[in-house]
Amino acid sequence: MAIQKSNTSRSIIVLRGNKNMSQEDLARKACITLDELKEIESGKRPSPDSFELIAEALGLTPADFSSCINNPDQFFKNHDIPVAA
């Protein structure tokens, strides 16, 4: 499960950065607290509700967000999302 948490955190950070959103911006748009987002970006697994809210705030369906988390490198490549080395 640690890999999943790491992929979730990484995916949110990369997608948020790609949209030029701060943590505050994403938390506000997703209707979650900033503290909750910070915990998720630090590795805490999001609740199912938070997962859906974050996906929608990032402009993704929950299915696409799951796809990103399951194979982030492939998702970023397929969607031309730059990833910092």
PDB file of N, CA and C in Angstrom:
ATOM      1  N   MET A   1       0.801  -1.195   0.000  1.00  0.00           N
ATOM      2  CA  MET A   1       0.000   0.000   0.000  1.00  0.00           C
ATOM      3  C   MET A   1       0.854   1.274   0.000  1.00  0.00           C
ATOM      4  N   ALA A   2       2.064   1.228   0.480  1.00  0.00           N
ATOM      5  CA  ALA A   2       2.912   2.412   0.518  1.00  0.00           C
ATOM      6  C   ALA A   2       3.151   2.948  -0.891  1.00  0.00           C
ATOM      7  N   ILE A   3       3.276   2.062  -1.876  1.00  0.00           N
ATOM      8  CA  ILE A   3       3.476   2.500  -3.255  1.00  0.00           C
ATOM      9  C   ILE A   3       2.249   3.291  -3.714  1.00  0.00           C
ATOM     10  N   GLN A   4       1.065   2.802  -3.408  1.00  0.00           N
ATOM     11  CA  GLN A   4      -0.160   3.485  -3.790  1.00  0.00           C
ATOM     12  C   GLN A   4      -0.207   4.884  -3.177  1.00  0.00           C
ATOM     13  N   LYS A   5       0.129   4.993  -1.903  1.00  0.00           N
ATOM     14  CA  LYS A   5       0.110   6.299  -1.249  1.00  0.00           C
ATOM     15  C   LYS A   5       1.124   7.228  -1.913  1.00  0.00           C
ATOM     16  N   SER A   6       2.285   6.728  -2.200  1.00  0.00           N
ATOM     17  CA  SER A   6       3.316   7.534  -2.851  1.00  0.00           C
ATOM     18  C   SER A   6       2.853   7.992  -4.231  1.00  0.00           C
ATOM     19  N   ASN A   7       2.234   7.094  -4.977  1.00  0.00           N
ATOM     20  CA  ASN A   7       1.727   7.458  -6.303  1.00  0.00           C
ATOM     21  C   ASN A   7       0.609   8.488  -6.206  1.00  0.00           C
ATOM     22  N   THR A   8      -0.235   8.350  -5.189  1.00  0.00           N
ATOM     23  CA  THR A   8      -1.316   9.317  -4.997  1.00  0.00           C
ATOM     24  C   THR A   8      -0.732  10.693  -4.728  1.00  0.00           C
ATOM     25  N   SER A   9       0.195  10.752  -3.794  1.00  0.00           N
ATOM     26  CA  SER A   9       0.822  12.028  -3.443  1.00  0.00           C
ATOM     27  C   SER A   9       1.505  12.641  -4.651  1.00  0.00           C
ATOM     28  N   ARG A  10       2.318  11.851  -5.315  1.00  0.00           N
ATOM     29  CA  ARG A  10       3.058  12.343  -6.482  1.00  0.00           C
ATOM     30  C   ARG A  10       2.108  12.820  -7.568  1.00  0.00           C
ATOM     31  N   SER A  11       1.070  12.043  -7.822  1.00  0.00           N
ATOM     32  CA  SER A  11       0.125  12.405  -8.875  1.00  0.00           C
ATOM     33  C   SER A  11      -0.555  13.733  -8.580  1.00  0.00           C
ATOM     34  N   ILE A  12      -0.994  13.919  -7.347  1.00  0.00           N
ATOM     35  CA  ILE A  12      -1.660  15.169  -6.989  1.00  0.00           C
ATOM     36  C   ILE A  12      -0.700  16.339  -7.142  1.00  0.00           C
ATOM     37  N   ILE A  13       0.511  16.176  -6.651  1.00  0.00           N
ATOM     38  CA  ILE A  13       1.493  17.263  -6.717  1.00  0.00           C
ATOM     39  C   ILE A  13       1.799  17.629  -8.167  1.00  0.00           C
ATOM     40  N   VAL A  14       2.021  16.635  -9.018  1.00  0.00           N
ATOM     41  CA  VAL A  14       2.340  16.901 -10.424  1.00  0.00           C
ATOM     42  C   VAL A  14       1.142  17.530 -11.139  1.00  0.00           C
ATOM     43  N   LEU A  15      -0.044  16.965 -10.946  1.00  0.00           N
ATOM     44  CA  LEU A  15      -1.233  17.498 -11.616  1.00  0.00           C
ATOM     45  C   LEU A  15      -1.553  18.913 -11.127  1.00  0.00           C
ATOM     46  N   ARG A  16      -1.402  19.139  -9.847  1.00  0.00           N
ATOM     47  CA  ARG A  16      -1.648  20.469  -9.285  1.00  0.00           C
ATOM     48  C   ARG A  16      -0.659  21.477  -9.872  1.00  0.00           C
ATOM     49  N   GLY A  17       0.605  21.078  -9.937  1.00  0.00           N
ATOM     50  CA  GLY A  17       1.624  21.951 -10.515  1.00  0.00           C
ATOM     51  C   GLY A  17       1.382  22.231 -11.984  1.00  0.00           C
ATOM     52  N   ASN A  18       0.931  21.230 -12.707  1.00  0.00           N
ATOM     53  CA  ASN A  18       0.644  21.388 -14.132  1.00  0.00           C
ATOM     54  C   ASN A  18      -0.467  22.405 -14.370  1.00  0.00           C
ATOM     55  N   LYS A  19      -1.346  22.537 -13.406  1.00  0.00           N
ATOM     56  CA  LYS A  19      -2.448  23.497 -13.512  1.00  0.00           C
ATOM     57  C   LYS A  19      -2.122  24.817 -12.812  1.00  0.00           C
ATOM     58  N   ASN A  20      -0.848  24.953 -12.383  1.00  0.00           N
ATOM     59  CA  ASN A  20      -0.407  26.163 -11.687  1.00  0.00           C
ATOM     60  C   ASN A  20      -1.284  26.485 -10.485  1.00  0.00           C
ATOM     61  N   MET A  21      -1.641  25.445  -9.737  1.00  0.00           N
ATOM     62  CA  MET A  21      -2.471  25.622  -8.554  1.00  0.00           C
ATOM     63  C   MET A  21      -1.611  25.479  -7.306  1.00  0.00           C
ATOM     64  N   SER A  22      -1.842  26.343  -6.351  1.00  0.00           N
ATOM     65  CA  SER A  22      -1.201  26.182  -5.050  1.00  0.00           C
ATOM     66  C   SER A  22      -1.995  25.141  -4.257  1.00  0.00           C
ATOM     67  N   GLN A  23      -1.439  24.720  -3.140  1.00  0.00           N
ATOM     68  CA  GLN A  23      -2.192  23.815  -2.272  1.00  0.00           C
ATOM     69  C   GLN A  23      -3.491  24.488  -1.833  1.00  0.00           C
ATOM     70  N   GLU A  24      -3.413  25.763  -1.532  1.00  0.00           N
ATOM     71  CA  GLU A  24      -4.600  26.499  -1.107  1.00  0.00           C
ATOM     72  C   GLU A  24      -5.662  26.516  -2.205  1.00  0.00           C
ATOM     73  N   ASP A  25      -5.223  26.741  -3.444  1.00  0.00           N
ATOM     74  CA  ASP A  25      -6.157  26.751  -4.578  1.00  0.00           C
ATOM     75  C   ASP A  25      -6.870  25.411  -4.716  1.00  0.00           C
ATOM     76  N   LEU A  26      -6.092  24.327  -4.681  1.00  0.00           N
ATOM     77  CA  LEU A  26      -6.686  23.001  -4.856  1.00  0.00           C
ATOM     78  C   LEU A  26      -7.601  22.659  -3.695  1.00  0.00           C
ATOM     79  N   ALA A  27      -7.179  22.938  -2.483  1.00  0.00           N
ATOM     80  CA  ALA A  27      -8.018  22.634  -1.324  1.00  0.00           C
ATOM     81  C   ALA A  27      -9.353  23.380  -1.421  1.00  0.00           C
ATOM     82  N   ARG A  28      -9.278  24.643  -1.776  1.00  0.00           N
ATOM     83  CA  ARG A  28     -10.494  25.456  -1.900  1.00  0.00           C
ATOM     84  C   ARG A  28     -11.399  24.897  -2.990  1.00  0.00           C
ATOM     85  N   LYS A  29     -10.810  24.607  -4.154  1.00  0.00           N
ATOM     86  CA  LYS A  29     -11.612  24.111  -5.287  1.00  0.00           C
ATOM     87  C   LYS A  29     -12.203  22.734  -4.993  1.00  0.00           C
ATOM     88  N   ALA A  30     -11.472  21.916  -4.234  1.00  0.00           N
ATOM     89  CA  ALA A  30     -11.944  20.571  -3.901  1.00  0.00           C
ATOM     90  C   ALA A  30     -12.851  20.552  -2.672  1.00  0.00           C
ATOM     91  N   CYS A  31     -12.998  21.702  -2.021  1.00  0.00           N
ATOM     92  CA  CYS A  31     -13.833  21.794  -0.811  1.00  0.00           C
ATOM     93  C   CYS A  31     -13.340  20.873   0.302  1.00  0.00           C
ATOM     94  N   ILE A  32     -12.006  20.816   0.445  1.00  0.00           N
ATOM     95  CA  ILE A  32     -11.404  20.100   1.561  1.00  0.00           C
ATOM     96  C   ILE A  32     -10.510  21.093   2.300  1.00  0.00           C
ATOM     97  N   THR A  33     -10.105  20.736   3.499  1.00  0.00           N
ATOM     98  CA  THR A  33      -9.251  21.652   4.241  1.00  0.00           C
ATOM     99  C   THR A  33      -7.826  21.591   3.698  1.00  0.00           C
ATOM    100  N   LEU A  34      -7.121  22.682   3.887  1.00  0.00           N
ATOM    101  CA  LEU A  34      -5.722  22.730   3.487  1.00  0.00           C
ATOM    102  C   LEU A  34      -4.924  21.680   4.254  1.00  0.00           C
ATOM    103  N   ASP A  35      -5.219  21.506   5.530  1.00  0.00           N
ATOM    104  CA  ASP A  35      -4.519  20.494   6.322  1.00  0.00           C
ATOM    105  C   ASP A  35      -4.733  19.099   5.755  1.00  0.00           C
ATOM    106  N   GLU A  36      -5.962  18.799   5.328  1.00  0.00           N
ATOM    107  CA  GLU A  36      -6.233  17.482   4.747  1.00  0.00           C
ATOM    108  C   GLU A  36      -5.426  17.282   3.465  1.00  0.00           C
ATOM    109  N   LEU A  37      -5.390  18.299   2.605  1.00  0.00           N
ATOM    110  CA  LEU A  37      -4.616  18.178   1.368  1.00  0.00           C
ATOM    111  C   LEU A  37      -3.137  17.978   1.674  1.00  0.00           C
ATOM    112  N   LYS A  38      -2.613  18.739   2.633  1.00  0.00           N
ATOM    113  CA  LYS A  38      -1.207  18.584   3.001  1.00  0.00           C
ATOM    114  C   LYS A  38      -0.925  17.168   3.504  1.00  0.00           C
ATOM    115  N   GLU A  39      -1.837  16.612   4.283  1.00  0.00           N
ATOM    116  CA  GLU A  39      -1.661  15.236   4.767  1.00  0.00           C
ATOM    117  C   GLU A  39      -1.678  14.246   3.606  1.00  0.00           C
ATOM    118  N   ILE A  40      -2.577  14.445   2.661  1.00  0.00           N
ATOM    119  CA  ILE A  40      -2.665  13.551   1.497  1.00  0.00           C
ATOM    120  C   ILE A  40      -1.404  13.668   0.656  1.00  0.00           C
ATOM    121  N   GLU A  41      -0.932  14.888   0.439  1.00  0.00           N
ATOM    122  CA  GLU A  41       0.289  15.070  -0.341  1.00  0.00           C
ATOM    123  C   GLU A  41       1.514  14.538   0.398  1.00  0.00           C
ATOM    124  N   SER A  42       1.390  14.341   1.692  1.00  0.00           N
ATOM    125  CA  SER A  42       2.489  13.769   2.483  1.00  0.00           C
ATOM    126  C   SER A  42       2.400  12.255   2.592  1.00  0.00           C
ATOM    127  N   GLY A  43       1.343  11.658   2.030  1.00  0.00           N
ATOM    128  CA  GLY A  43       1.260  10.208   2.015  1.00  0.00           C
ATOM    129  C   GLY A  43       0.017   9.595   2.620  1.00  0.00           C
ATOM    130  N   LYS A  44      -0.816  10.392   3.266  1.00  0.00           N
ATOM    131  CA  LYS A  44      -2.054   9.848   3.836  1.00  0.00           C
ATOM    132  C   LYS A  44      -3.007   9.489   2.703  1.00  0.00           C
ATOM    133  N   ARG A  45      -3.644   8.356   2.832  1.00  0.00           N
ATOM    134  CA  ARG A  45      -4.597   7.924   1.806  1.00  0.00           C
ATOM    135  C   ARG A  45      -5.879   8.761   1.919  1.00  0.00           C
ATOM    136  N   PRO A  46      -6.344   9.331   0.803  1.00  0.00           N
ATOM    137  CA  PRO A  46      -7.567  10.139   0.871  1.00  0.00           C
ATOM    138  C   PRO A  46      -8.806   9.272   1.067  1.00  0.00           C
ATOM    139  N   SER A  47      -9.796   9.842   1.718  1.00  0.00           N
ATOM    140  CA  SER A  47     -11.085   9.157   1.824  1.00  0.00           C
ATOM    141  C   SER A  47     -11.680   9.071   0.418  1.00  0.00           C
ATOM    142  N   PRO A  48     -12.618   8.155   0.209  1.00  0.00           N
ATOM    143  CA  PRO A  48     -13.257   8.081  -1.118  1.00  0.00           C
ATOM    144  C   PRO A  48     -13.884   9.411  -1.546  1.00  0.00           C
ATOM    145  N   ASP A  49     -14.502  10.119  -0.607  1.00  0.00           N
ATOM    146  CA  ASP A  49     -15.104  11.417  -0.945  1.00  0.00           C
ATOM    147  C   ASP A  49     -14.041  12.427  -1.349  1.00  0.00           C
ATOM    148  N   SER A  50     -12.960  12.503  -0.567  1.00  0.00           N
ATOM    149  CA  SER A  50     -11.880  13.438  -0.889  1.00  0.00           C
ATOM    150  C   SER A  50     -11.241  13.082  -2.216  1.00  0.00           C
ATOM    151  N   PHE A  51     -11.081  11.790  -2.489  1.00  0.00           N
ATOM    152  CA  PHE A  51     -10.522  11.328  -3.755  1.00  0.00           C
ATOM    153  C   PHE A  51     -11.331  11.896  -4.921  1.00  0.00           C
ATOM    154  N   GLU A  52     -12.652  11.766  -4.850  1.00  0.00           N
ATOM    155  CA  GLU A  52     -13.514  12.256  -5.928  1.00  0.00           C
ATOM    156  C   GLU A  52     -13.463  13.782  -6.032  1.00  0.00           C
ATOM    157  N   LEU A  53     -13.462  14.459  -4.891  1.00  0.00           N
ATOM    158  CA  LEU A  53     -13.418  15.922  -4.900  1.00  0.00           C
ATOM    159  C   LEU A  53     -12.113  16.438  -5.493  1.00  0.00           C
ATOM    160  N   ILE A  54     -10.997  15.799  -5.145  1.00  0.00           N
ATOM    161  CA  ILE A  54      -9.696  16.203  -5.684  1.00  0.00           C
ATOM    162  C   ILE A  54      -9.643  15.935  -7.185  1.00  0.00           C
ATOM    163  N   ALA A  55     -10.124  14.769  -7.595  1.00  0.00           N
ATOM    164  CA  ALA A  55     -10.149  14.445  -9.027  1.00  0.00           C
ATOM    165  C   ALA A  55     -10.912  15.510  -9.802  1.00  0.00           C
ATOM    166  N   GLU A  56     -12.109  15.833  -9.330  1.00  0.00           N
ATOM    167  CA  GLU A  56     -12.930  16.827 -10.018  1.00  0.00           C
ATOM    168  C   GLU A  56     -12.253  18.196 -10.027  1.00  0.00           C
ATOM    169  N   ALA A  57     -11.633  18.572  -8.914  1.00  0.00           N
ATOM    170  CA  ALA A  57     -10.952  19.864  -8.838  1.00  0.00           C
ATOM    171  C   ALA A  57      -9.772  19.933  -9.800  1.00  0.00           C
ATOM    172  N   LEU A  58      -9.188  18.784 -10.100  1.00  0.00           N
ATOM    173  CA  LEU A  58      -8.072  18.720 -11.047  1.00  0.00           C
ATOM    174  C   LEU A  58      -8.548  18.528 -12.486  1.00  0.00           C
ATOM    175  N   GLY A  59      -9.868  18.470 -12.673  1.00  0.00           N
ATOM    176  CA  GLY A  59     -10.428  18.332 -14.014  1.00  0.00           C
ATOM    177  C   GLY A  59     -10.418  16.917 -14.545  1.00  0.00           C
ATOM    178  N   LEU A  60     -10.394  15.947 -13.647  1.00  0.00           N
ATOM    179  CA  LEU A  60     -10.358  14.540 -14.042  1.00  0.00           C
ATOM    180  C   LEU A  60     -11.585  13.811 -13.520  1.00  0.00           C
ATOM    181  N   THR A  61     -11.957  12.757 -14.218  1.00  0.00           N
ATOM    182  CA  THR A  61     -12.956  11.858 -13.656  1.00  0.00           C
ATOM    183  C   THR A  61     -12.257  10.999 -12.610  1.00  0.00           C
ATOM    184  N   PRO A  62     -13.005  10.446 -11.663  1.00  0.00           N
ATOM    185  CA  PRO A  62     -12.368   9.531 -10.717  1.00  0.00           C
ATOM    186  C   PRO A  62     -11.658   8.366 -11.413  1.00  0.00           C
ATOM    187  N   ALA A  63     -12.209   7.891 -12.524  1.00  0.00           N
ATOM    188  CA  ALA A  63     -11.567   6.792 -13.261  1.00  0.00           C
ATOM    189  C   ALA A  63     -10.224   7.222 -13.843  1.00  0.00           C
ATOM    190  N   ASP A  64     -10.174   8.420 -14.413  1.00  0.00           N
ATOM    191  CA  ASP A  64      -8.903   8.923 -14.951  1.00  0.00           C
ATOM    192  C   ASP A  64      -7.891   9.168 -13.833  1.00  0.00           C
ATOM    193  N   PHE A  65      -8.366   9.679 -12.711  1.00  0.00           N
ATOM    194  CA  PHE A  65      -7.484   9.916 -11.576  1.00  0.00           C
ATOM    195  C   PHE A  65      -6.921   8.591 -11.066  1.00  0.00           C
ATOM    196  N   SER A  66      -7.745   7.563 -11.008  1.00  0.00           N
ATOM    197  CA  SER A  66      -7.276   6.223 -10.612  1.00  0.00           C
ATOM    198  C   SER A  66      -6.229   5.711 -11.581  1.00  0.00           C
ATOM    199  N   SER A  67      -6.466   5.924 -12.870  1.00  0.00           N
ATOM    200  CA  SER A  67      -5.508   5.513 -13.889  1.00  0.00           C
ATOM    201  C   SER A  67      -4.176   6.214 -13.685  1.00  0.00           C
ATOM    202  N   CYS A  68      -4.226   7.491 -13.369  1.00  0.00           N
ATOM    203  CA  CYS A  68      -3.009   8.260 -13.113  1.00  0.00           C
ATOM    204  C   CYS A  68      -2.260   7.690 -11.916  1.00  0.00           C
ATOM    205  N   ILE A  69      -2.978   7.390 -10.853  1.00  0.00           N
ATOM    206  CA  ILE A  69      -2.348   6.884  -9.631  1.00  0.00           C
ATOM    207  C   ILE A  69      -1.767   5.490  -9.858  1.00  0.00           C
ATOM    208  N   ASN A  70      -2.461   4.669 -10.626  1.00  0.00           N
ATOM    209  CA  ASN A  70      -1.991   3.304 -10.860  1.00  0.00           C
ATOM    210  C   ASN A  70      -0.749   3.246 -11.738  1.00  0.00           C
ATOM    211  N   ASN A  71      -0.597   4.193 -12.650  1.00  0.00           N
ATOM    212  CA  ASN A  71       0.576   4.223 -13.523  1.00  0.00           C
ATOM    213  C   ASN A  71       0.873   5.674 -13.889  1.00  0.00           C
ATOM    214  N   PRO A  72       1.391   6.440 -12.911  1.00  0.00           N
ATOM    215  CA  PRO A  72       1.568   7.869 -13.156  1.00  0.00           C
ATOM    216  C   PRO A  72       2.471   8.207 -14.334  1.00  0.00           C
ATOM    217  N   ASP A  73       3.583   7.526 -14.476  1.00  0.00           N
ATOM    218  CA  ASP A  73       4.502   7.869 -15.566  1.00  0.00           C
ATOM    219  C   ASP A  73       3.835   7.714 -16.924  1.00  0.00           C
ATOM    220  N   GLN A  74       3.088   6.649 -17.108  1.00  0.00           N
ATOM    221  CA  GLN A  74       2.398   6.433 -18.380  1.00  0.00           C
ATOM    222  C   GLN A  74       1.309   7.476 -18.579  1.00  0.00           C
ATOM    223  N   PHE A  75       0.563   7.775 -17.523  1.00  0.00           N
ATOM    224  CA  PHE A  75      -0.499   8.778 -17.612  1.00  0.00           C
ATOM    225  C   PHE A  75       0.084  10.132 -17.999  1.00  0.00           C
ATOM    226  N   PHE A  76       1.156  10.548 -17.322  1.00  0.00           N
ATOM    227  CA  PHE A  76       1.765  11.847 -17.615  1.00  0.00           C
ATOM    228  C   PHE A  76       2.276  11.880 -19.055  1.00  0.00           C
ATOM    229  N   LYS A  77       2.875  10.792 -19.509  1.00  0.00           N
ATOM    230  CA  LYS A  77       3.379  10.726 -20.884  1.00  0.00           C
ATOM    231  C   LYS A  77       2.228  10.816 -21.877  1.00  0.00           C
ATOM    232  N   ASN A  78       1.163  10.053 -21.646  1.00  0.00           N
ATOM    233  CA  ASN A  78       0.029  10.034 -22.564  1.00  0.00           C
ATOM    234  C   ASN A  78      -0.695  11.378 -22.638  1.00  0.00           C
ATOM    235  N   HIS A  79      -0.602  12.151 -21.571  1.00  0.00           N
ATOM    236  CA  HIS A  79      -1.304  13.437 -21.517  1.00  0.00           C
ATOM    237  C   HIS A  79      -0.360  14.635 -21.643  1.00  0.00           C
ATOM    238  N   ASP A  80       0.879  14.356 -22.054  1.00  0.00           N
ATOM    239  CA  ASP A  80       1.884  15.422 -22.248  1.00  0.00           C
ATOM    240  C   ASP A  80       2.017  16.330 -21.027  1.00  0.00           C
ATOM    241  N   ILE A  81       2.074  15.697 -19.854  1.00  0.00           N
ATOM    242  CA  ILE A  81       2.247  16.445 -18.611  1.00  0.00           C
ATOM    243  C   ILE A  81       3.699  16.353 -18.212  1.00  0.00           C
ATOM    244  N   PRO A  82       4.387  17.489 -18.171  1.00  0.00           N
ATOM    245  CA  PRO A  82       5.813  17.453 -17.807  1.00  0.00           C
ATOM    246  C   PRO A  82       5.991  17.104 -16.324  1.00  0.00           C
ATOM    247  N   VAL A  83       7.011  16.317 -16.081  1.00  0.00           N
ATOM    248  CA  VAL A  83       7.325  15.897 -14.718  1.00  0.00           C
ATOM    249  C   VAL A  83       8.751  16.334 -14.427  1.00  0.00           C
ATOM    250  N   ALA A  84       8.936  17.078 -13.356  1.00  0.00           N
ATOM    251  CA  ALA A  84      10.276  17.515 -12.965  1.00  0.00           C
ATOM    252  C   ALA A  84      11.118  16.307 -12.593  1.00  0.00           C
ATOM    253  N   ALA A  85      12.368  16.339 -13.007  1.00  0.00           N
ATOM    254  CA  ALA A  85      13.273  15.212 -12.730  1.00  0.00           C
ATOM    255  C   ALA A  85      13.696  15.191 -11.285  1.00  0.00           C
TER     256      ALA A  85
END
